Protein backbone atom coordinates (compact mmCIF):
# COMPACT_ATOMS: atom_id res chain seq x y z
CA MET A 1 26.95 -63.38 122.97
CA THR A 2 29.16 -65.97 123.71
CA LYS A 3 29.98 -68.44 120.88
CA LEU A 4 28.96 -72.07 122.11
CA THR A 5 31.58 -74.88 121.67
CA GLU A 6 30.09 -78.08 119.56
CA PRO A 7 29.91 -80.12 122.93
CA GLN A 8 27.82 -76.84 124.38
CA LYS A 9 25.74 -76.64 121.25
CA VAL A 10 24.97 -80.46 121.62
CA THR A 11 24.17 -80.14 125.38
CA ARG A 12 21.57 -77.50 124.62
CA ILE A 13 20.05 -79.48 121.85
CA VAL A 14 19.62 -82.57 123.68
CA ARG A 15 18.20 -80.93 126.91
CA ALA A 16 15.62 -79.22 124.45
CA LEU A 17 14.74 -82.93 123.05
CA LYS A 18 14.62 -84.60 126.32
CA ASP A 19 12.62 -81.53 127.90
CA ASN A 20 9.98 -82.11 125.00
CA LEU A 21 10.10 -85.75 123.55
CA ASP A 22 11.79 -88.15 126.41
CA GLY A 23 8.74 -90.53 127.68
CA ASP A 24 5.78 -92.62 126.80
CA LEU A 25 3.60 -92.39 123.56
CA PHE A 26 -0.08 -92.74 124.26
CA LEU A 27 -3.12 -93.12 121.90
CA ARG A 28 -5.11 -89.96 121.91
CA ASN A 29 -7.79 -89.90 124.43
CA THR A 30 -7.05 -92.96 126.17
CA GLU A 31 -4.46 -94.08 128.76
CA ASN A 32 -3.03 -97.05 126.37
CA LYS A 33 0.25 -96.91 125.99
CA VAL A 34 1.67 -97.84 122.70
CA GLY A 35 5.06 -97.31 122.83
CA HIS A 36 8.03 -94.29 124.01
CA PHE A 37 10.63 -91.64 122.78
CA LYS A 38 14.07 -92.01 124.09
CA VAL A 39 16.42 -89.21 123.44
CA VAL A 40 19.92 -90.88 122.78
CA ARG A 41 23.05 -88.57 122.82
CA ARG A 42 25.92 -89.89 120.67
CA GLY A 43 29.53 -88.93 121.48
CA PHE A 44 30.74 -86.98 124.32
CA GLY A 45 33.72 -84.65 125.16
CA SER A 46 36.02 -84.82 122.23
CA GLU A 47 34.38 -87.74 120.55
CA PHE A 48 31.56 -86.48 117.81
CA GLY A 49 28.28 -88.26 117.49
CA ARG A 50 27.38 -89.66 114.03
CA PRO A 51 24.79 -87.51 114.47
CA ASP A 52 24.99 -85.74 117.54
CA ALA A 53 21.66 -87.19 118.79
CA VAL A 54 19.12 -89.61 117.98
CA VAL A 55 15.36 -89.61 119.07
CA TRP A 56 14.46 -93.16 118.84
CA ILE A 57 10.40 -93.49 118.44
CA GLU A 58 9.53 -97.28 119.25
CA ILE A 59 5.96 -98.51 118.94
CA GLU A 60 4.10 -101.55 119.79
CA THR A 61 1.08 -102.61 118.90
CA HIS A 62 -0.92 -105.65 117.78
CA VAL A 63 -1.72 -106.78 114.17
CA LEU A 64 -3.76 -109.53 113.54
CA GLY A 65 -3.26 -110.98 117.04
CA VAL A 66 0.68 -110.63 116.60
CA LEU A 67 2.55 -108.04 119.00
CA VAL A 68 5.09 -105.74 116.76
CA THR A 69 7.33 -103.60 117.45
CA LEU A 70 8.77 -100.56 115.19
CA LYS A 71 11.60 -98.54 115.70
CA VAL A 72 12.67 -95.47 113.88
CA PRO A 73 15.01 -92.67 114.49
CA ILE A 74 14.82 -89.02 113.74
CA LEU A 75 18.35 -87.86 113.44
CA VAL A 76 19.76 -84.56 114.94
CA GLU A 77 22.91 -83.10 113.95
CA ALA A 78 24.49 -79.60 115.30
CA GLU A 79 25.89 -78.34 111.97
CA ASP A 80 27.14 -74.74 111.61
CA ALA A 81 27.53 -75.00 107.80
CA GLY A 82 24.19 -76.72 107.43
CA ILE A 83 22.30 -79.48 105.48
CA SER A 84 25.03 -80.10 102.87
CA ALA A 85 27.64 -80.97 105.70
CA ALA A 86 25.23 -83.31 107.93
CA LYS A 87 25.05 -85.59 104.72
CA GLU A 88 28.05 -87.77 106.07
CA ASP A 89 26.78 -88.20 109.58
CA PHE A 90 23.51 -89.77 108.32
CA GLN A 91 25.18 -91.77 106.06
CA LEU A 92 27.31 -93.25 108.65
CA PHE A 93 24.23 -93.64 111.00
CA PHE A 94 22.84 -96.01 108.31
CA GLU A 95 25.98 -97.81 108.03
CA ARG A 96 26.14 -99.16 111.32
CA ASP A 97 22.78 -98.90 113.00
CA ARG A 98 19.43 -100.65 112.28
CA LEU A 99 16.12 -99.78 111.99
CA GLU A 100 13.14 -102.44 113.12
CA ILE A 101 10.68 -102.66 110.78
CA PRO A 102 7.67 -105.45 111.43
CA MET A 103 6.29 -107.78 109.05
CA VAL A 104 3.46 -110.05 109.46
CA VAL A 105 3.22 -113.17 107.37
CA ILE A 106 -0.16 -114.91 106.75
CA SER A 107 0.47 -118.67 105.89
CA LYS A 108 -1.69 -121.42 105.36
CA GLU A 109 -4.27 -122.72 108.05
CA GLY A 110 -2.97 -124.85 110.57
CA ALA A 111 1.08 -123.70 110.37
CA ILE A 112 3.12 -123.36 113.23
CA LYS A 113 3.71 -119.74 114.82
CA ARG A 114 7.08 -118.95 114.43
CA GLU A 115 9.39 -115.55 114.74
CA THR A 116 12.57 -114.66 113.33
CA LYS A 117 14.63 -111.67 112.71
CA ASP A 118 16.42 -111.38 109.12
CA GLU A 119 18.22 -108.15 107.57
CA ALA A 120 17.57 -106.77 104.44
CA ILE A 121 18.94 -103.77 102.10
CA ALA A 122 16.42 -100.93 102.06
CA GLN A 123 16.69 -97.42 100.43
CA VAL A 124 16.03 -94.76 102.78
CA ASN A 125 14.77 -91.11 101.66
CA VAL A 126 16.06 -88.67 104.57
CA SER A 127 13.58 -85.74 105.07
CA ILE A 128 16.10 -83.23 106.39
CA HIS A 129 14.63 -79.98 107.91
CA GLN A 130 17.12 -77.09 108.95
CA ILE A 131 16.52 -74.65 111.80
CA GLY A 132 18.78 -72.17 113.70
CA LEU A 133 20.19 -72.49 116.84
CA ASP A 134 18.29 -69.51 118.22
CA ARG A 135 15.17 -71.28 117.72
CA ILE A 136 16.26 -74.28 120.43
CA GLU A 137 15.21 -72.98 124.02
């Protein structure tokens, strides 16, 4: 079997992700769309992605009458050396990308409804799963 180049591996992985995950997200047994999956390839040609691909999961729902959006990533990295070599990729991702975590604040009666965005420093546990490239169709 011919050894694949790094860009060829990433192309194969992104194609499999898009074939299986790209699209809308629905509540089970209903036609109510609550969000979507979006596969994004990072880096092309000689430019490497950090990580190689991201599956963004965006969910919209009403919480106490407020429409909130949750946006979280699944990071995907092609790394022959395995888990230990992928650590730098997820660290760089969290240095430059932002998660969107909703918060609803209940204040006193009669308070004016308002919205804002702010930043916070968070600790993130990354649950890493390793599989062989031969498992990607």
